[in-house]
N, C-alpha and C. Protein backbone atom coordinates (compact mmCIF):
# COMPACT_ATOMS: atom_id res chain seq x y z
N MET A 1 -4.79 11.42 -27.46
CA MET A 1 -5.23 10.84 -26.17
C MET A 1 -4.22 9.84 -25.64
N SER A 2 -3.64 9.04 -26.53
CA SER A 2 -2.71 8.02 -26.09
C SER A 2 -1.47 8.63 -25.45
N ARG A 3 -1.06 9.83 -25.99
CA ARG A 3 0.11 10.48 -25.42
C ARG A 3 -0.14 10.98 -24.00
N ILE A 4 -1.39 11.28 -23.72
CA ILE A 4 -1.75 11.77 -22.39
C ILE A 4 -1.95 10.60 -21.43
N LEU A 5 -2.61 9.55 -21.91
CA LEU A 5 -2.93 8.41 -21.04
C LEU A 5 -1.70 7.60 -20.67
N ALA A 6 -0.74 7.48 -21.58
CA ALA A 6 0.44 6.66 -21.31
C ALA A 6 1.21 7.12 -20.08
N PRO A 7 1.52 8.42 -19.96
CA PRO A 7 2.22 8.87 -18.74
C PRO A 7 1.41 8.66 -17.48
N LEU A 8 0.07 8.82 -17.59
CA LEU A 8 -0.78 8.60 -16.42
C LEU A 8 -0.75 7.15 -15.98
N ALA A 9 -0.80 6.25 -16.94
CA ALA A 9 -0.75 4.82 -16.62
C ALA A 9 0.57 4.46 -15.98
N LEU A 10 1.66 5.03 -16.50
CA LEU A 10 2.98 4.77 -15.94
C LEU A 10 3.07 5.28 -14.51
N ALA A 11 2.54 6.48 -14.28
CA ALA A 11 2.57 7.06 -12.93
C ALA A 11 1.77 6.22 -11.96
N LEU A 12 0.60 5.73 -12.42
CA LEU A 12 -0.24 4.90 -11.56
C LEU A 12 0.47 3.60 -11.20
N GLY A 13 1.13 2.99 -12.21
CA GLY A 13 1.86 1.75 -11.95
C GLY A 13 2.98 1.96 -10.96
N LEU A 14 3.71 3.05 -11.09
CA LEU A 14 4.79 3.35 -10.15
C LEU A 14 4.26 3.59 -8.75
N ALA A 15 3.12 4.24 -8.66
CA ALA A 15 2.52 4.52 -7.36
C ALA A 15 2.11 3.23 -6.66
N LEU A 16 1.52 2.32 -7.42
CA LEU A 16 1.10 1.04 -6.83
C LEU A 16 2.30 0.23 -6.38
N ALA A 17 3.35 0.22 -7.20
CA ALA A 17 4.56 -0.52 -6.84
C ALA A 17 5.21 0.07 -5.61
N THR A 18 5.24 1.40 -5.55
CA THR A 18 5.84 2.08 -4.39
C THR A 18 5.02 1.81 -3.14
N GLY A 19 3.68 1.79 -3.31
CA GLY A 19 2.80 1.52 -2.17
C GLY A 19 3.02 0.13 -1.61
N SER A 20 3.17 -0.86 -2.48
CA SER A 20 3.41 -2.24 -2.03
C SER A 20 4.73 -2.35 -1.29
N ALA A 21 5.75 -1.67 -1.84
CA ALA A 21 7.06 -1.71 -1.18
C ALA A 21 7.00 -1.05 0.18
N ALA A 22 6.26 0.06 0.25
CA ALA A 22 6.13 0.77 1.53
C ALA A 22 5.42 -0.09 2.55
N GLN A 23 4.37 -0.81 2.11
CA GLN A 23 3.65 -1.69 3.02
C GLN A 23 4.56 -2.78 3.56
N ALA A 24 5.38 -3.35 2.67
CA ALA A 24 6.31 -4.40 3.11
C ALA A 24 7.30 -3.85 4.13
N GLN A 25 7.77 -2.62 3.90
CA GLN A 25 8.71 -2.01 4.82
C GLN A 25 8.08 -1.74 6.17
N VAL A 26 6.80 -1.33 6.16
CA VAL A 26 6.09 -1.07 7.42
C VAL A 26 6.03 -2.34 8.24
N ILE A 27 5.59 -3.44 7.63
CA ILE A 27 5.47 -4.71 8.35
C ILE A 27 6.84 -5.17 8.84
N ASP A 28 7.86 -4.99 7.99
CA ASP A 28 9.20 -5.44 8.37
C ASP A 28 9.74 -4.64 9.54
N SER A 29 9.52 -3.33 9.52
CA SER A 29 10.12 -2.47 10.55
C SER A 29 9.42 -2.60 11.89
N ILE A 30 8.10 -2.81 11.89
CA ILE A 30 7.39 -2.83 13.16
C ILE A 30 7.42 -4.21 13.82
N SER A 31 8.03 -5.20 13.17
CA SER A 31 8.01 -6.55 13.70
C SER A 31 9.31 -6.97 14.37
N LEU A 32 10.33 -6.12 14.31
CA LEU A 32 11.66 -6.54 14.75
C LEU A 32 11.75 -6.76 16.25
N ASN A 33 11.21 -5.87 17.05
CA ASN A 33 11.34 -5.97 18.51
C ASN A 33 9.96 -6.14 19.15
N TYR A 34 9.34 -7.26 18.82
CA TYR A 34 7.96 -7.48 19.25
C TYR A 34 7.91 -8.12 20.63
N SER A 35 7.06 -7.58 21.50
CA SER A 35 6.87 -8.13 22.84
C SER A 35 5.38 -8.07 23.19
N PRO A 36 4.64 -9.18 23.02
CA PRO A 36 3.19 -9.15 23.21
C PRO A 36 2.76 -8.99 24.67
N ARG A 37 3.60 -9.43 25.60
CA ARG A 37 3.31 -9.31 27.04
C ARG A 37 1.93 -9.88 27.40
N THR A 38 1.75 -11.15 27.08
CA THR A 38 0.50 -11.83 27.41
C THR A 38 0.47 -12.29 28.86
N GLY A 39 1.65 -12.31 29.49
CA GLY A 39 1.74 -12.85 30.84
C GLY A 39 2.00 -14.34 30.86
N ASP A 40 2.16 -14.92 29.68
CA ASP A 40 2.40 -16.36 29.56
C ASP A 40 3.53 -16.56 28.54
N VAL A 41 4.60 -17.21 28.97
CA VAL A 41 5.77 -17.39 28.09
C VAL A 41 5.41 -18.18 26.84
N TRP A 42 4.59 -19.21 27.00
CA TRP A 42 4.19 -20.04 25.86
C TRP A 42 3.45 -19.20 24.82
N LEU A 43 2.51 -18.38 25.27
CA LEU A 43 1.77 -17.52 24.34
C LEU A 43 2.68 -16.50 23.68
N ASP A 44 3.58 -15.90 24.46
CA ASP A 44 4.50 -14.91 23.90
C ASP A 44 5.34 -15.52 22.78
N THR A 45 5.80 -16.75 22.99
CA THR A 45 6.62 -17.42 21.99
C THR A 45 5.84 -17.69 20.72
N ARG A 46 4.60 -18.17 20.87
CA ARG A 46 3.77 -18.47 19.69
C ARG A 46 3.44 -17.20 18.91
N LEU A 47 3.14 -16.12 19.58
CA LEU A 47 2.82 -14.88 18.90
C LEU A 47 4.05 -14.31 18.18
N SER A 48 5.21 -14.46 18.79
CA SER A 48 6.45 -14.02 18.13
C SER A 48 6.71 -14.83 16.87
N ASP A 49 6.41 -16.13 16.92
CA ASP A 49 6.55 -16.97 15.73
C ASP A 49 5.61 -16.51 14.62
N VAL A 50 4.36 -16.24 14.99
CA VAL A 50 3.37 -15.77 14.01
C VAL A 50 3.87 -14.49 13.35
N ASN A 51 4.49 -13.63 14.12
CA ASN A 51 5.02 -12.39 13.59
C ASN A 51 6.06 -12.64 12.50
N LEU A 52 6.95 -13.58 12.73
CA LEU A 52 8.00 -13.88 11.77
C LEU A 52 7.42 -14.45 10.48
N PHE A 53 6.48 -15.37 10.60
CA PHE A 53 5.91 -15.98 9.41
C PHE A 53 5.02 -15.01 8.65
N ALA A 54 4.40 -14.06 9.35
CA ALA A 54 3.59 -13.05 8.68
C ALA A 54 4.47 -12.14 7.83
N ARG A 55 5.66 -11.84 8.31
CA ARG A 55 6.57 -11.00 7.56
C ARG A 55 7.05 -11.68 6.29
N GLY A 56 7.11 -13.01 6.33
CA GLY A 56 7.58 -13.74 5.16
C GLY A 56 6.49 -13.98 4.12
N ASP A 57 5.22 -13.90 4.52
CA ASP A 57 4.11 -14.18 3.60
C ASP A 57 2.92 -13.32 4.01
N THR A 58 2.97 -12.04 3.70
CA THR A 58 1.94 -11.10 4.15
C THR A 58 0.56 -11.43 3.59
N ASP A 59 0.51 -11.73 2.30
CA ASP A 59 -0.79 -12.04 1.68
C ASP A 59 -1.41 -13.29 2.29
N GLY A 60 -0.58 -14.31 2.50
CA GLY A 60 -1.08 -15.53 3.12
C GLY A 60 -1.54 -15.29 4.55
N PHE A 61 -0.83 -14.41 5.25
CA PHE A 61 -1.21 -14.07 6.62
C PHE A 61 -2.58 -13.39 6.65
N ILE A 62 -2.78 -12.42 5.77
CA ILE A 62 -4.06 -11.72 5.72
C ILE A 62 -5.19 -12.71 5.39
N ASP A 63 -4.94 -13.61 4.45
CA ASP A 63 -5.94 -14.63 4.11
C ASP A 63 -6.31 -15.46 5.34
N ASP A 64 -5.30 -15.82 6.13
CA ASP A 64 -5.55 -16.64 7.31
C ASP A 64 -6.45 -15.92 8.31
N VAL A 65 -6.17 -14.64 8.57
CA VAL A 65 -6.99 -13.88 9.53
C VAL A 65 -8.42 -13.76 9.03
N VAL A 66 -8.57 -13.51 7.73
CA VAL A 66 -9.90 -13.33 7.16
C VAL A 66 -10.70 -14.64 7.19
N VAL A 67 -10.07 -15.73 6.74
CA VAL A 67 -10.77 -17.00 6.64
C VAL A 67 -10.99 -17.65 8.00
N SER A 68 -9.96 -17.63 8.85
CA SER A 68 -10.03 -18.35 10.12
C SER A 68 -10.84 -17.63 11.19
N TYR A 69 -10.79 -16.29 11.19
CA TYR A 69 -11.43 -15.54 12.28
C TYR A 69 -12.55 -14.62 11.82
N GLY A 70 -12.87 -14.68 10.52
CA GLY A 70 -14.01 -13.92 10.02
C GLY A 70 -13.84 -12.42 10.01
N ALA A 71 -12.61 -11.94 10.03
CA ALA A 71 -12.37 -10.50 10.03
C ALA A 71 -12.48 -9.95 8.61
N PRO A 72 -13.08 -8.79 8.42
CA PRO A 72 -13.17 -8.20 7.08
C PRO A 72 -11.77 -7.86 6.55
N ARG A 73 -11.52 -8.22 5.31
CA ARG A 73 -10.20 -7.99 4.73
C ARG A 73 -9.79 -6.51 4.75
N PRO A 74 -10.68 -5.58 4.37
CA PRO A 74 -10.27 -4.16 4.42
C PRO A 74 -9.88 -3.72 5.82
N TYR A 75 -10.53 -4.29 6.85
CA TYR A 75 -10.21 -3.89 8.21
C TYR A 75 -8.84 -4.45 8.63
N VAL A 76 -8.54 -5.67 8.22
CA VAL A 76 -7.23 -6.27 8.53
C VAL A 76 -6.12 -5.44 7.88
N ARG A 77 -6.34 -5.04 6.63
CA ARG A 77 -5.34 -4.22 5.93
C ARG A 77 -5.22 -2.84 6.58
N GLU A 78 -6.33 -2.33 7.07
CA GLU A 78 -6.29 -1.03 7.75
C GLU A 78 -5.41 -1.10 9.00
N LEU A 79 -5.60 -2.16 9.79
CA LEU A 79 -4.79 -2.31 11.00
C LEU A 79 -3.30 -2.43 10.67
N LEU A 80 -3.00 -3.19 9.63
CA LEU A 80 -1.61 -3.44 9.27
C LEU A 80 -0.93 -2.22 8.64
N PHE A 81 -1.58 -1.66 7.64
CA PHE A 81 -0.91 -0.66 6.82
C PHE A 81 -1.24 0.79 7.17
N ASP A 82 -2.44 1.03 7.69
CA ASP A 82 -2.80 2.41 8.04
C ASP A 82 -2.50 2.73 9.50
N ARG A 83 -2.82 1.80 10.38
CA ARG A 83 -2.58 2.04 11.81
C ARG A 83 -1.20 1.55 12.26
N GLY A 84 -0.54 0.77 11.42
CA GLY A 84 0.81 0.31 11.75
C GLY A 84 0.86 -0.75 12.83
N TRP A 85 -0.16 -1.60 12.91
CA TRP A 85 -0.17 -2.67 13.90
C TRP A 85 0.83 -3.76 13.52
N VAL A 86 1.41 -4.36 14.54
CA VAL A 86 2.24 -5.55 14.33
C VAL A 86 1.33 -6.70 13.89
N PRO A 87 1.74 -7.50 12.90
CA PRO A 87 0.89 -8.58 12.41
C PRO A 87 0.35 -9.50 13.49
N ALA A 88 1.18 -9.89 14.45
CA ALA A 88 0.72 -10.81 15.49
C ALA A 88 -0.36 -10.19 16.35
N ASP A 89 -0.33 -8.87 16.54
CA ASP A 89 -1.38 -8.20 17.32
C ASP A 89 -2.71 -8.25 16.58
N VAL A 90 -2.67 -8.07 15.26
CA VAL A 90 -3.89 -8.18 14.44
C VAL A 90 -4.45 -9.59 14.56
N TRP A 91 -3.58 -10.56 14.42
CA TRP A 91 -3.96 -11.98 14.47
C TRP A 91 -4.57 -12.32 15.82
N TYR A 92 -3.93 -11.86 16.91
CA TYR A 92 -4.38 -12.20 18.26
C TYR A 92 -5.69 -11.49 18.60
N ALA A 93 -5.82 -10.25 18.16
CA ALA A 93 -7.06 -9.50 18.42
C ALA A 93 -8.26 -10.20 17.78
N CYS A 94 -8.08 -10.63 16.53
CA CYS A 94 -9.19 -11.28 15.83
C CYS A 94 -9.45 -12.68 16.38
N LEU A 95 -8.41 -13.36 16.84
CA LEU A 95 -8.58 -14.67 17.47
C LEU A 95 -9.36 -14.53 18.79
N LEU A 96 -8.96 -13.55 19.60
CA LEU A 96 -9.67 -13.28 20.85
C LEU A 96 -11.13 -12.94 20.58
N ALA A 97 -11.34 -12.11 19.57
CA ALA A 97 -12.70 -11.68 19.23
C ALA A 97 -13.57 -12.87 18.85
N GLN A 98 -12.99 -13.82 18.10
CA GLN A 98 -13.76 -15.00 17.70
C GLN A 98 -14.15 -15.81 18.93
N GLN A 99 -13.21 -15.98 19.86
CA GLN A 99 -13.52 -16.75 21.06
C GLN A 99 -14.61 -16.05 21.89
N LEU A 100 -14.55 -14.72 21.95
CA LEU A 100 -15.52 -13.95 22.73
C LEU A 100 -16.81 -13.69 21.97
N ARG A 101 -16.83 -14.13 20.69
CA ARG A 101 -17.98 -13.91 19.82
C ARG A 101 -18.27 -12.42 19.68
N GLN A 102 -17.23 -11.69 19.40
CA GLN A 102 -17.31 -10.25 19.18
C GLN A 102 -16.66 -9.92 17.83
N PRO A 103 -16.99 -8.77 17.26
CA PRO A 103 -16.27 -8.34 16.05
C PRO A 103 -14.81 -8.07 16.38
N CYS A 104 -13.95 -8.32 15.43
CA CYS A 104 -12.53 -8.07 15.65
C CYS A 104 -12.28 -6.61 16.01
N SER A 105 -13.03 -5.71 15.41
CA SER A 105 -12.85 -4.28 15.66
C SER A 105 -13.10 -3.92 17.12
N GLN A 106 -14.00 -4.64 17.78
CA GLN A 106 -14.33 -4.32 19.17
C GLN A 106 -13.13 -4.63 20.09
N VAL A 107 -12.50 -5.78 19.88
CA VAL A 107 -11.31 -6.12 20.68
C VAL A 107 -10.15 -5.20 20.29
N ALA A 108 -10.02 -4.92 19.00
CA ALA A 108 -8.93 -4.06 18.54
C ALA A 108 -9.04 -2.65 19.14
N ASP A 109 -10.25 -2.15 19.28
CA ASP A 109 -10.44 -0.81 19.85
C ASP A 109 -9.99 -0.78 21.32
N VAL A 110 -10.28 -1.85 22.05
CA VAL A 110 -9.87 -1.92 23.46
C VAL A 110 -8.34 -1.93 23.53
N TYR A 111 -7.71 -2.72 22.67
CA TYR A 111 -6.25 -2.81 22.69
C TYR A 111 -5.62 -1.50 22.21
N GLN A 112 -6.24 -0.85 21.23
CA GLN A 112 -5.70 0.40 20.70
C GLN A 112 -5.62 1.47 21.79
N ARG A 113 -6.62 1.49 22.66
CA ARG A 113 -6.65 2.51 23.73
C ARG A 113 -5.58 2.24 24.80
N ASP A 114 -5.36 0.96 25.12
CA ASP A 114 -4.47 0.64 26.24
C ASP A 114 -3.40 -0.37 25.86
N ARG A 115 -2.88 -0.26 24.65
CA ARG A 115 -1.91 -1.26 24.18
C ARG A 115 -0.62 -1.23 24.99
N GLY A 116 -0.33 -0.15 25.65
CA GLY A 116 0.88 -0.06 26.46
C GLY A 116 0.85 -1.01 27.66
N GLN A 117 -0.32 -1.49 28.03
CA GLN A 117 -0.45 -2.39 29.17
C GLN A 117 -0.17 -3.85 28.80
N GLY A 118 -0.13 -4.15 27.51
CA GLY A 118 0.13 -5.52 27.06
C GLY A 118 -1.13 -6.35 26.96
N TRP A 119 -1.02 -7.47 26.25
CA TRP A 119 -2.18 -8.32 25.99
C TRP A 119 -2.69 -9.04 27.23
N GLY A 120 -1.83 -9.30 28.20
CA GLY A 120 -2.27 -10.00 29.40
C GLY A 120 -3.34 -9.22 30.14
N VAL A 121 -3.10 -7.92 30.30
CA VAL A 121 -4.07 -7.05 30.99
C VAL A 121 -5.35 -6.93 30.17
N ILE A 122 -5.20 -6.78 28.85
CA ILE A 122 -6.37 -6.62 27.98
C ILE A 122 -7.24 -7.87 28.02
N ALA A 123 -6.61 -9.05 27.96
CA ALA A 123 -7.37 -10.30 27.98
C ALA A 123 -8.15 -10.46 29.28
N GLN A 124 -7.53 -10.09 30.40
CA GLN A 124 -8.25 -10.17 31.68
C GLN A 124 -9.41 -9.19 31.72
N ARG A 125 -9.21 -8.03 31.15
CA ARG A 125 -10.28 -7.04 31.11
C ARG A 125 -11.46 -7.55 30.28
N LEU A 126 -11.15 -8.38 29.29
CA LEU A 126 -12.19 -8.93 28.42
C LEU A 126 -12.82 -10.19 29.02
N GLY A 127 -12.33 -10.62 30.20
CA GLY A 127 -12.93 -11.75 30.89
C GLY A 127 -12.18 -13.06 30.79
N ILE A 128 -10.95 -13.02 30.26
CA ILE A 128 -10.15 -14.25 30.15
C ILE A 128 -9.04 -14.18 31.20
N LYS A 129 -9.26 -14.86 32.32
CA LYS A 129 -8.31 -14.83 33.43
C LYS A 129 -7.33 -16.00 33.34
N PRO A 130 -6.06 -15.78 33.72
CA PRO A 130 -5.06 -16.86 33.69
C PRO A 130 -5.53 -18.07 34.49
N GLY A 131 -5.38 -19.26 33.91
CA GLY A 131 -5.74 -20.50 34.59
C GLY A 131 -7.20 -20.89 34.43
N SER A 132 -8.02 -20.00 33.89
CA SER A 132 -9.45 -20.30 33.74
C SER A 132 -9.68 -21.21 32.53
N ALA A 133 -10.91 -21.74 32.44
CA ALA A 133 -11.25 -22.59 31.29
C ALA A 133 -11.15 -21.79 30.00
N GLU A 134 -11.53 -20.51 30.06
CA GLU A 134 -11.45 -19.64 28.87
C GLU A 134 -10.00 -19.45 28.43
N PHE A 135 -9.11 -19.35 29.43
CA PHE A 135 -7.70 -19.15 29.13
C PHE A 135 -7.11 -20.39 28.44
N HIS A 136 -7.46 -21.57 28.93
CA HIS A 136 -6.96 -22.81 28.32
C HIS A 136 -7.54 -22.99 26.92
N ALA A 137 -8.79 -22.59 26.74
CA ALA A 137 -9.39 -22.66 25.41
C ALA A 137 -8.66 -21.71 24.45
N LEU A 138 -8.29 -20.54 24.97
CA LEU A 138 -7.55 -19.57 24.17
C LEU A 138 -6.20 -20.13 23.73
N LYS A 139 -5.51 -20.79 24.65
CA LYS A 139 -4.21 -21.36 24.32
C LYS A 139 -4.36 -22.46 23.26
N GLY A 140 -5.45 -23.20 23.34
CA GLY A 140 -5.69 -24.23 22.34
C GLY A 140 -5.87 -23.62 20.95
N LYS A 141 -6.62 -22.51 20.89
CA LYS A 141 -6.83 -21.82 19.61
C LYS A 141 -5.51 -21.26 19.07
N VAL A 142 -4.72 -20.69 19.97
CA VAL A 142 -3.44 -20.12 19.56
C VAL A 142 -2.52 -21.22 19.02
N GLY A 143 -2.50 -22.37 19.70
CA GLY A 143 -1.66 -23.48 19.25
C GLY A 143 -2.02 -23.95 17.86
N LYS A 144 -3.31 -24.14 17.61
CA LYS A 144 -3.76 -24.59 16.29
C LYS A 144 -3.50 -23.53 15.23
N GLY A 145 -3.77 -22.28 15.58
CA GLY A 145 -3.55 -21.19 14.63
C GLY A 145 -2.08 -21.02 14.31
N HIS A 146 -1.24 -21.15 15.31
CA HIS A 146 0.21 -21.04 15.12
C HIS A 146 0.71 -22.11 14.15
N ASP A 147 0.27 -23.34 14.35
CA ASP A 147 0.69 -24.44 13.47
C ASP A 147 0.21 -24.22 12.04
N ARG A 148 -0.98 -23.67 11.91
CA ARG A 148 -1.55 -23.42 10.58
C ARG A 148 -0.76 -22.34 9.84
N VAL A 149 -0.47 -21.24 10.53
CA VAL A 149 0.29 -20.15 9.92
C VAL A 149 1.69 -20.63 9.56
N LYS A 150 2.29 -21.41 10.44
CA LYS A 150 3.64 -21.91 10.21
C LYS A 150 3.67 -22.84 8.99
N ALA A 151 2.62 -23.66 8.83
CA ALA A 151 2.58 -24.62 7.73
C ALA A 151 2.44 -23.93 6.38
N ARG A 152 1.71 -22.83 6.33
CA ARG A 152 1.46 -22.20 5.03
C ARG A 152 2.37 -21.02 4.75
N GLY A 153 3.03 -20.50 5.78
CA GLY A 153 3.87 -19.34 5.61
C GLY A 153 5.33 -19.67 5.52
N LYS A 154 6.16 -18.64 5.37
CA LYS A 154 7.61 -18.77 5.34
C LYS A 154 8.20 -17.73 6.27
N PRO A 155 9.20 -18.11 7.04
CA PRO A 155 9.83 -17.11 7.89
C PRO A 155 10.48 -16.02 7.07
N ALA A 156 10.71 -14.87 7.68
CA ALA A 156 11.23 -13.72 6.96
C ALA A 156 12.59 -13.99 6.34
N HIS A 157 13.39 -14.87 6.96
CA HIS A 157 14.73 -15.13 6.45
C HIS A 157 14.76 -16.30 5.48
N ALA A 158 13.57 -16.87 5.17
CA ALA A 158 13.54 -18.02 4.27
C ALA A 158 13.76 -17.59 2.84
N GLY A 159 13.96 -18.56 1.96
CA GLY A 159 14.13 -18.27 0.55
C GLY A 159 15.52 -18.63 0.06
N LYS A 160 16.46 -18.79 0.97
CA LYS A 160 17.81 -19.19 0.59
C LYS A 160 17.95 -20.70 0.74
N PRO A 161 18.56 -21.35 -0.20
CA PRO A 161 18.74 -22.80 -0.06
C PRO A 161 19.64 -23.12 1.10
N ALA A 162 19.51 -24.34 1.62
CA ALA A 162 20.27 -24.74 2.80
C ALA A 162 21.76 -24.68 2.53
N HIS A 163 22.19 -24.97 1.29
CA HIS A 163 23.60 -24.92 0.94
C HIS A 163 23.75 -23.98 -0.25
N ALA A 164 23.62 -22.70 0.01
CA ALA A 164 23.65 -21.71 -1.06
C ALA A 164 24.99 -21.76 -1.77
N GLY A 165 24.94 -21.74 -3.10
CA GLY A 165 26.16 -21.70 -3.89
C GLY A 165 26.72 -23.07 -4.20
N LYS A 166 26.21 -24.11 -3.57
CA LYS A 166 26.69 -25.46 -3.82
C LYS A 166 25.62 -26.24 -4.58
N PRO A 167 25.87 -26.57 -5.83
CA PRO A 167 24.85 -27.32 -6.59
C PRO A 167 24.62 -28.69 -5.99
N ALA A 168 23.39 -29.16 -6.09
CA ALA A 168 23.05 -30.47 -5.53
C ALA A 168 23.81 -31.58 -6.24
N GLN A 169 23.98 -31.41 -7.59
CA GLN A 169 24.70 -32.39 -8.36
C GLN A 169 25.64 -31.66 -9.30
N SER A 170 26.86 -32.10 -9.40
CA SER A 170 27.85 -31.40 -10.20
C SER A 170 27.79 -31.76 -11.68
N GLY A 171 27.01 -32.75 -12.03
CA GLY A 171 26.91 -33.16 -13.42
C GLY A 171 27.92 -34.23 -13.78
N LYS A 172 28.80 -34.57 -12.84
CA LYS A 172 29.79 -35.61 -13.07
C LYS A 172 29.29 -36.92 -12.49
N PRO A 173 29.75 -38.04 -12.99
CA PRO A 173 29.34 -39.33 -12.42
C PRO A 173 29.73 -39.42 -10.96
N ALA A 174 28.97 -40.19 -10.17
CA ALA A 174 29.21 -40.30 -8.74
C ALA A 174 30.62 -40.81 -8.45
N ALA A 175 31.16 -41.68 -9.28
CA ALA A 175 32.49 -42.20 -9.04
C ALA A 175 33.32 -42.05 -10.30
N SER A 176 33.45 -40.79 -10.75
CA SER A 176 34.12 -40.51 -12.01
C SER A 176 35.58 -40.97 -11.97
N GLY A 177 36.01 -41.66 -13.01
CA GLY A 177 37.41 -42.06 -13.10
C GLY A 177 37.68 -43.42 -12.50
N LYS A 178 36.72 -43.99 -11.78
CA LYS A 178 36.93 -45.28 -11.15
C LYS A 178 36.57 -46.39 -12.12
N PRO A 179 37.31 -47.48 -12.09
CA PRO A 179 37.01 -48.61 -13.00
C PRO A 179 35.60 -49.12 -12.80
N GLY A 180 34.98 -49.48 -13.91
CA GLY A 180 33.65 -50.07 -13.83
C GLY A 180 32.54 -49.05 -13.84
N GLN A 181 32.86 -47.73 -13.69
CA GLN A 181 31.81 -46.72 -13.66
C GLN A 181 32.12 -45.56 -14.59
N SER A 182 33.19 -45.62 -15.35
CA SER A 182 33.57 -44.50 -16.20
C SER A 182 33.09 -44.66 -17.63
N GLY A 183 32.40 -45.75 -17.93
CA GLY A 183 31.94 -45.98 -19.29
C GLY A 183 32.87 -46.91 -20.06
N LYS A 184 34.01 -47.25 -19.49
CA LYS A 184 34.95 -48.15 -20.13
C LYS A 184 34.84 -49.53 -19.49
N PRO A 185 35.30 -50.58 -20.14
CA PRO A 185 35.26 -51.93 -19.52
C PRO A 185 36.03 -51.94 -18.22
N ALA A 186 35.58 -52.76 -17.27
CA ALA A 186 36.20 -52.80 -15.96
C ALA A 186 37.66 -53.23 -16.05
N ASN A 187 37.99 -54.18 -16.93
CA ASN A 187 39.37 -54.66 -17.10
C ASN A 187 39.68 -54.71 -18.59
N PRO A 188 40.01 -53.55 -19.17
CA PRO A 188 40.27 -53.54 -20.62
C PRO A 188 41.45 -54.45 -20.96
N GLY A 189 41.33 -55.19 -22.07
CA GLY A 189 42.42 -56.06 -22.51
C GLY A 189 42.19 -57.51 -22.21
N LYS A 190 41.28 -57.82 -21.29
CA LYS A 190 41.04 -59.22 -20.93
C LYS A 190 40.44 -60.00 -22.08
N GLY A 191 39.57 -59.33 -22.84
CA GLY A 191 38.95 -60.00 -23.98
C GLY A 191 39.96 -60.39 -25.02
N LYS A 192 40.97 -59.53 -25.22
CA LYS A 192 42.00 -59.82 -26.20
C LYS A 192 42.81 -61.05 -25.79
N ASP A 193 43.09 -61.16 -24.48
CA ASP A 193 43.84 -62.32 -23.99
C ASP A 193 43.10 -63.63 -24.28
N LYS A 194 41.79 -63.59 -24.14
CA LYS A 194 41.01 -64.80 -24.42
C LYS A 194 41.12 -65.20 -25.88
N ASP A 195 41.09 -64.16 -26.77
CA ASP A 195 41.21 -64.44 -28.20
C ASP A 195 42.55 -65.08 -28.52
N LYS A 196 43.61 -64.58 -27.85
CA LYS A 196 44.93 -65.15 -28.07
C LYS A 196 44.97 -66.61 -27.64
N ASP A 197 44.32 -66.89 -26.49
CA ASP A 197 44.29 -68.26 -26.01
C ASP A 197 43.59 -69.19 -26.98
N LYS A 198 42.49 -68.65 -27.58
CA LYS A 198 41.76 -69.46 -28.56
C LYS A 198 42.65 -69.77 -29.75
N GLY A 199 43.41 -68.75 -30.17
CA GLY A 199 44.30 -68.93 -31.32
C GLY A 199 45.35 -69.95 -31.06
N LYS A 200 45.86 -70.03 -29.88
CA LYS A 200 46.90 -71.00 -29.52
C LYS A 200 46.37 -72.42 -29.64
N GLY A 201 45.13 -72.56 -29.26
CA GLY A 201 44.53 -73.91 -29.35
C GLY A 201 44.47 -74.40 -30.77
N LYS A 202 44.18 -73.52 -31.72
CA LYS A 202 44.06 -73.89 -33.13
C LYS A 202 45.44 -74.31 -33.67
N ASP A 203 46.49 -73.61 -33.25
CA ASP A 203 47.82 -73.94 -33.75
C ASP A 203 48.21 -75.36 -33.34
N LYS A 204 47.77 -75.77 -32.16
CA LYS A 204 48.12 -77.12 -31.70
C LYS A 204 47.50 -78.18 -32.60
N GLY A 205 46.33 -77.89 -33.14
CA GLY A 205 45.70 -78.89 -34.00
C GLY A 205 46.39 -78.96 -35.31
């Protein structure tokens, strides 16, 4: 039995690893040229930022959507990995749904049908008109959500130290070789001179 089960376990492990890599590639590839077209430059910028941080921390991003907007985790994963949605679109759909007090799937279905029109048209169709109180409330939610995702996530290009290849400390003293800091007396030989002076005094007596 062990000879049969071992290859199966290995195959399953490889499949899971390959699946995770494929999911990462999907998110990476669909996020490069993102244009939410909300009709508002400020919103477009914030959603683009969310996209970058989602690519750097996918698990943390999914947690944020689930916890902050009450979206079911399997549904969030379905949008990302099965339907190929851009992370920021998933995030924005569920944020809009929370504000409208609707399930995330309901807003996502509307966007899925007419996503070519952009989020600005979809939001107006859902009753959020530019300049309205609802629109300003939406921007407030986006601002807070953006800051939260940014604080807990990492951008896709993160992970490299600011000065790659240069150690913070070389292991040498800060002023190696300089008098007073090399471990030797600041003025070697001065003590001997004092001893000689003392000896001279004794000879005089």
